[in-house]
Amino acid sequence: MSLGQLIIGWFYYGIFYMGLSIMATVIINRVAKRYFTAPLIINAFGVVALAVMLYLKQFTGEQFLTSVLFVYMPIVAASAVFNFVLWLIRRRQPLHDLPLQNEEGPLSK
């Protein structure tokens, strides 16, 4: 399998998981205030979920490889790439230096 086929497989099989990963990254970024925290938390959760599923014998070795390639890797990659692009756009400004939105919300005026 080439790298191109792998990435096409990510967007074909893992687009839903990648979208959820980006949503989780946004939520974790609002709480953690560090660019590297969200991908680490998502990575840890993915590893634990795969380990538990392997321990409970939820899939065979071939299915495990498919799960790693098309579920786990896209989730972690989406979170890491999202935060890297966010870091590039904000010109290395830490998340904790960004002003918080007022508590009333943007539509309260």
N, C-alpha and C. Protein backbone atom coordinates (compact mmCIF):
# COMPACT_ATOMS: atom_id res chain seq x y z
N MET A 1 0.85 -1.17 0.00
CA MET A 1 0.00 0.00 0.00
C MET A 1 0.90 1.24 0.00
N SER A 2 0.62 2.15 -0.91
CA SER A 2 1.42 3.36 -0.99
C SER A 2 0.87 4.42 -0.03
N LEU A 3 1.62 5.48 0.17
CA LEU A 3 1.19 6.56 1.04
C LEU A 3 -0.07 7.23 0.49
N GLY A 4 -0.14 7.38 -0.82
CA GLY A 4 -1.33 7.96 -1.44
C GLY A 4 -2.58 7.14 -1.19
N GLN A 5 -2.45 5.82 -1.31
CA GLN A 5 -3.59 4.94 -1.04
C GLN A 5 -4.00 5.02 0.43
N LEU A 6 -3.02 5.14 1.31
CA LEU A 6 -3.31 5.24 2.73
C LEU A 6 -4.09 6.51 3.03
N ILE A 7 -3.67 7.63 2.47
CA ILE A 7 -4.36 8.90 2.73
C ILE A 7 -5.75 8.90 2.11
N ILE A 8 -5.90 8.32 0.91
CA ILE A 8 -7.23 8.20 0.31
C ILE A 8 -8.12 7.33 1.20
N GLY A 9 -7.57 6.26 1.73
CA GLY A 9 -8.32 5.41 2.66
C GLY A 9 -8.72 6.16 3.91
N TRP A 10 -7.85 7.03 4.39
CA TRP A 10 -8.18 7.84 5.57
C TRP A 10 -9.43 8.67 5.30
N PHE A 11 -9.45 9.35 4.16
CA PHE A 11 -10.58 10.23 3.88
C PHE A 11 -11.83 9.45 3.49
N TYR A 12 -11.67 8.24 2.99
CA TYR A 12 -12.83 7.44 2.64
C TYR A 12 -13.43 6.75 3.87
N TYR A 13 -12.58 6.10 4.65
CA TYR A 13 -13.06 5.34 5.80
C TYR A 13 -13.07 6.14 7.10
N GLY A 14 -12.18 7.10 7.23
CA GLY A 14 -12.00 7.75 8.52
C GLY A 14 -12.45 9.19 8.61
N ILE A 15 -13.19 9.71 7.60
CA ILE A 15 -13.55 11.12 7.61
C ILE A 15 -14.45 11.46 8.80
N PHE A 16 -15.35 10.57 9.17
CA PHE A 16 -16.22 10.79 10.33
C PHE A 16 -15.38 10.87 11.61
N TYR A 17 -14.43 9.95 11.76
CA TYR A 17 -13.57 9.94 12.94
C TYR A 17 -12.67 11.17 12.97
N MET A 18 -12.21 11.61 11.79
CA MET A 18 -11.36 12.80 11.73
C MET A 18 -12.16 14.04 12.13
N GLY A 19 -13.40 14.13 11.70
CA GLY A 19 -14.25 15.25 12.09
C GLY A 19 -14.49 15.28 13.59
N LEU A 20 -14.77 14.13 14.17
CA LEU A 20 -14.94 14.06 15.62
C LEU A 20 -13.65 14.40 16.35
N SER A 21 -12.52 14.00 15.79
CA SER A 21 -11.23 14.31 16.38
C SER A 21 -10.98 15.81 16.40
N ILE A 22 -11.32 16.49 15.32
CA ILE A 22 -11.14 17.95 15.27
C ILE A 22 -12.07 18.63 16.25
N MET A 23 -13.31 18.15 16.37
CA MET A 23 -14.23 18.73 17.36
C MET A 23 -13.69 18.52 18.78
N ALA A 24 -13.19 17.34 19.06
CA ALA A 24 -12.61 17.08 20.39
C ALA A 24 -11.38 17.94 20.62
N THR A 25 -10.58 18.16 19.58
CA THR A 25 -9.39 19.00 19.70
C THR A 25 -9.77 20.43 20.05
N VAL A 26 -10.81 20.96 19.41
CA VAL A 26 -11.26 22.32 19.71
C VAL A 26 -11.70 22.41 21.17
N ILE A 27 -12.46 21.44 21.63
CA ILE A 27 -12.93 21.45 23.02
C ILE A 27 -11.77 21.34 23.99
N ILE A 28 -10.84 20.44 23.72
CA ILE A 28 -9.68 20.27 24.61
C ILE A 28 -8.81 21.52 24.59
N ASN A 29 -8.66 22.17 23.43
CA ASN A 29 -7.88 23.40 23.35
C ASN A 29 -8.48 24.51 24.22
N ARG A 30 -9.79 24.58 24.31
CA ARG A 30 -10.43 25.60 25.15
C ARG A 30 -10.15 25.36 26.63
N VAL A 31 -9.97 24.11 27.00
CA VAL A 31 -9.73 23.77 28.40
C VAL A 31 -8.24 23.77 28.73
N ALA A 32 -7.42 23.17 27.88
CA ALA A 32 -6.02 22.91 28.21
C ALA A 32 -5.10 24.09 27.96
N LYS A 33 -5.37 24.91 26.96
CA LYS A 33 -4.58 26.10 26.64
C LYS A 33 -3.15 25.80 26.20
N ARG A 34 -2.88 24.63 25.70
CA ARG A 34 -1.56 24.28 25.13
C ARG A 34 -1.82 23.54 23.83
N TYR A 35 -1.02 23.85 22.81
CA TYR A 35 -1.23 23.24 21.50
C TYR A 35 -0.94 21.74 21.48
N PHE A 36 -0.04 21.26 22.31
CA PHE A 36 0.36 19.85 22.25
C PHE A 36 -0.52 18.95 23.11
N THR A 37 -1.35 19.51 23.98
CA THR A 37 -2.13 18.71 24.92
C THR A 37 -3.22 17.89 24.23
N ALA A 38 -3.97 18.50 23.33
CA ALA A 38 -5.09 17.79 22.69
C ALA A 38 -4.64 16.57 21.90
N PRO A 39 -3.62 16.68 21.03
CA PRO A 39 -3.19 15.46 20.33
C PRO A 39 -2.68 14.37 21.27
N LEU A 40 -2.04 14.76 22.37
CA LEU A 40 -1.56 13.76 23.33
C LEU A 40 -2.71 13.04 24.01
N ILE A 41 -3.74 13.79 24.41
CA ILE A 41 -4.90 13.18 25.06
C ILE A 41 -5.63 12.25 24.08
N ILE A 42 -5.83 12.72 22.85
CA ILE A 42 -6.51 11.91 21.85
C ILE A 42 -5.69 10.67 21.51
N ASN A 43 -4.38 10.81 21.42
CA ASN A 43 -3.49 9.68 21.17
C ASN A 43 -3.59 8.66 22.30
N ALA A 44 -3.53 9.13 23.53
CA ALA A 44 -3.62 8.22 24.68
C ALA A 44 -4.96 7.49 24.71
N PHE A 45 -6.04 8.20 24.44
CA PHE A 45 -7.36 7.57 24.41
C PHE A 45 -7.43 6.51 23.32
N GLY A 46 -6.87 6.81 22.15
CA GLY A 46 -6.86 5.84 21.04
C GLY A 46 -6.08 4.59 21.37
N VAL A 47 -4.91 4.75 21.99
CA VAL A 47 -4.09 3.60 22.36
C VAL A 47 -4.80 2.74 23.39
N VAL A 48 -5.41 3.38 24.39
CA VAL A 48 -6.14 2.63 25.42
C VAL A 48 -7.33 1.89 24.80
N ALA A 49 -8.06 2.56 23.92
CA ALA A 49 -9.22 1.91 23.28
C ALA A 49 -8.78 0.70 22.45
N LEU A 50 -7.70 0.85 21.69
CA LEU A 50 -7.19 -0.28 20.90
C LEU A 50 -6.72 -1.42 21.80
N ALA A 51 -6.03 -1.09 22.89
CA ALA A 51 -5.53 -2.12 23.80
C ALA A 51 -6.69 -2.87 24.46
N VAL A 52 -7.72 -2.14 24.88
CA VAL A 52 -8.87 -2.79 25.51
C VAL A 52 -9.59 -3.69 24.50
N MET A 53 -9.76 -3.20 23.28
CA MET A 53 -10.43 -4.03 22.27
C MET A 53 -9.61 -5.26 21.92
N LEU A 54 -8.30 -5.13 21.88
CA LEU A 54 -7.44 -6.29 21.61
C LEU A 54 -7.50 -7.27 22.78
N TYR A 55 -7.50 -6.74 24.01
CA TYR A 55 -7.58 -7.59 25.19
C TYR A 55 -8.90 -8.37 25.23
N LEU A 56 -9.98 -7.71 24.83
CA LEU A 56 -11.29 -8.36 24.83
C LEU A 56 -11.53 -9.21 23.58
N LYS A 57 -10.49 -9.31 22.73
CA LYS A 57 -10.56 -10.10 21.50
C LYS A 57 -11.73 -9.69 20.61
N GLN A 58 -11.84 -8.38 20.40
CA GLN A 58 -12.91 -7.85 19.56
C GLN A 58 -12.59 -7.96 18.07
N PHE A 59 -11.32 -8.21 17.73
CA PHE A 59 -10.95 -8.35 16.33
C PHE A 59 -9.70 -9.19 16.20
N THR A 60 -9.46 -9.66 14.97
CA THR A 60 -8.29 -10.48 14.67
C THR A 60 -7.10 -9.58 14.37
N GLY A 61 -5.96 -10.20 14.09
CA GLY A 61 -4.75 -9.43 13.78
C GLY A 61 -4.90 -8.57 12.54
N GLU A 62 -5.55 -9.10 11.51
CA GLU A 62 -5.75 -8.32 10.28
C GLU A 62 -6.71 -7.16 10.54
N GLN A 63 -7.74 -7.40 11.30
CA GLN A 63 -8.67 -6.33 11.64
C GLN A 63 -8.00 -5.28 12.52
N PHE A 64 -7.07 -5.72 13.37
CA PHE A 64 -6.34 -4.79 14.22
C PHE A 64 -5.51 -3.83 13.36
N LEU A 65 -4.82 -4.36 12.36
CA LEU A 65 -4.03 -3.52 11.47
C LEU A 65 -4.92 -2.53 10.72
N THR A 66 -6.08 -2.98 10.27
CA THR A 66 -7.02 -2.09 9.59
C THR A 66 -7.51 -1.01 10.54
N SER A 67 -7.79 -1.38 11.79
CA SER A 67 -8.23 -0.39 12.77
C SER A 67 -7.15 0.64 13.05
N VAL A 68 -5.92 0.20 13.15
CA VAL A 68 -4.82 1.13 13.39
C VAL A 68 -4.65 2.07 12.20
N LEU A 69 -4.66 1.52 10.99
CA LEU A 69 -4.41 2.34 9.80
C LEU A 69 -5.54 3.29 9.45
N PHE A 70 -6.79 2.85 9.62
CA PHE A 70 -7.91 3.65 9.11
C PHE A 70 -8.80 4.26 10.18
N VAL A 71 -8.55 4.00 11.45
CA VAL A 71 -9.31 4.66 12.51
C VAL A 71 -8.36 5.42 13.43
N TYR A 72 -7.39 4.74 14.01
CA TYR A 72 -6.50 5.37 14.99
C TYR A 72 -5.60 6.44 14.36
N MET A 73 -4.91 6.10 13.29
CA MET A 73 -3.97 7.05 12.68
C MET A 73 -4.66 8.30 12.14
N PRO A 74 -5.80 8.22 11.46
CA PRO A 74 -6.46 9.45 11.02
C PRO A 74 -6.91 10.34 12.17
N ILE A 75 -7.35 9.73 13.27
CA ILE A 75 -7.79 10.52 14.42
C ILE A 75 -6.63 11.32 14.98
N VAL A 76 -5.52 10.67 15.22
CA VAL A 76 -4.35 11.35 15.79
C VAL A 76 -3.77 12.35 14.79
N ALA A 77 -3.70 11.97 13.52
CA ALA A 77 -3.15 12.87 12.51
C ALA A 77 -4.02 14.12 12.35
N ALA A 78 -5.34 13.96 12.36
CA ALA A 78 -6.23 15.12 12.21
C ALA A 78 -6.04 16.09 13.37
N SER A 79 -5.94 15.58 14.58
CA SER A 79 -5.74 16.44 15.74
C SER A 79 -4.40 17.16 15.68
N ALA A 80 -3.35 16.43 15.33
CA ALA A 80 -2.01 17.03 15.27
C ALA A 80 -1.92 18.06 14.15
N VAL A 81 -2.45 17.75 12.98
CA VAL A 81 -2.39 18.69 11.85
C VAL A 81 -3.24 19.92 12.15
N PHE A 82 -4.42 19.73 12.73
CA PHE A 82 -5.28 20.87 13.09
C PHE A 82 -4.56 21.82 14.03
N ASN A 83 -3.93 21.29 15.08
CA ASN A 83 -3.22 22.16 16.02
C ASN A 83 -1.98 22.78 15.39
N PHE A 84 -1.29 22.07 14.50
CA PHE A 84 -0.13 22.64 13.82
C PHE A 84 -0.54 23.81 12.93
N VAL A 85 -1.63 23.65 12.18
CA VAL A 85 -2.12 24.74 11.33
C VAL A 85 -2.59 25.91 12.20
N LEU A 86 -3.26 25.63 13.30
CA LEU A 86 -3.68 26.67 14.22
C LEU A 86 -2.48 27.43 14.76
N TRP A 87 -1.43 26.72 15.09
CA TRP A 87 -0.20 27.34 15.59
C TRP A 87 0.43 28.21 14.51
N LEU A 88 0.46 27.75 13.26
CA LEU A 88 1.02 28.54 12.16
C LEU A 88 0.20 29.80 11.90
N ILE A 89 -1.12 29.69 11.94
CA ILE A 89 -1.99 30.84 11.68
C ILE A 89 -1.83 31.90 12.76
N ARG A 90 -1.74 31.47 13.99
CA ARG A 90 -1.66 32.42 15.11
C ARG A 90 -0.25 32.89 15.39
N ARG A 91 0.67 32.55 14.53
CA ARG A 91 2.06 33.02 14.61
C ARG A 91 2.70 32.76 15.97
N ARG A 92 2.60 31.50 16.36
CA ARG A 92 3.25 31.02 17.58
C ARG A 92 2.72 31.69 18.85
N GLN A 93 1.54 32.25 18.80
CA GLN A 93 0.94 32.84 19.99
C GLN A 93 0.31 31.71 20.82
N PRO A 94 0.72 31.56 22.06
CA PRO A 94 0.17 30.47 22.89
C PRO A 94 -1.33 30.62 23.08
N LEU A 95 -2.00 29.50 23.24
CA LEU A 95 -3.44 29.53 23.47
C LEU A 95 -3.80 30.27 24.75
N HIS A 96 -2.94 30.20 25.76
CA HIS A 96 -3.28 30.83 27.03
C HIS A 96 -3.15 32.35 26.96
N ASP A 97 -2.54 32.92 25.91
CA ASP A 97 -2.45 34.36 25.75
C ASP A 97 -3.62 34.95 24.98
N LEU A 98 -4.48 34.11 24.43
CA LEU A 98 -5.60 34.59 23.65
C LEU A 98 -6.69 35.10 24.59
N PRO A 99 -7.34 36.22 24.23
CA PRO A 99 -8.42 36.72 25.09
C PRO A 99 -9.63 35.79 25.02
N LEU A 100 -10.30 35.65 26.14
CA LEU A 100 -11.50 34.82 26.19
C LEU A 100 -12.69 35.62 25.69
N GLN A 101 -13.63 34.93 25.09
CA GLN A 101 -14.85 35.58 24.63
C GLN A 101 -15.68 35.94 25.86
N ASN A 102 -16.42 37.07 25.78
CA ASN A 102 -17.22 37.47 26.94
C ASN A 102 -18.26 36.40 27.25
N GLU A 103 -18.72 36.39 28.48
CA GLU A 103 -19.61 35.31 28.92
C GLU A 103 -21.01 35.43 28.34
N GLU A 104 -21.37 36.62 27.85
CA GLU A 104 -22.70 36.80 27.31
C GLU A 104 -22.85 36.13 25.96
N GLY A 105 -21.77 35.97 25.23
CA GLY A 105 -21.82 35.34 23.92
C GLY A 105 -21.86 36.37 22.81
N PRO A 106 -21.60 35.95 21.59
CA PRO A 106 -21.51 36.89 20.47
C PRO A 106 -22.86 37.42 20.01
N LEU A 107 -23.95 36.73 20.31
CA LEU A 107 -25.26 37.15 19.83
C LEU A 107 -26.09 37.87 20.89
N SER A 108 -25.48 38.30 21.97
CA SER A 108 -26.23 38.88 23.07
C SER A 108 -26.52 40.36 22.89
N LYS A 109 -25.95 41.00 21.88
CA LYS A 109 -26.16 42.45 21.69
C LYS A 109 -27.48 42.76 21.07
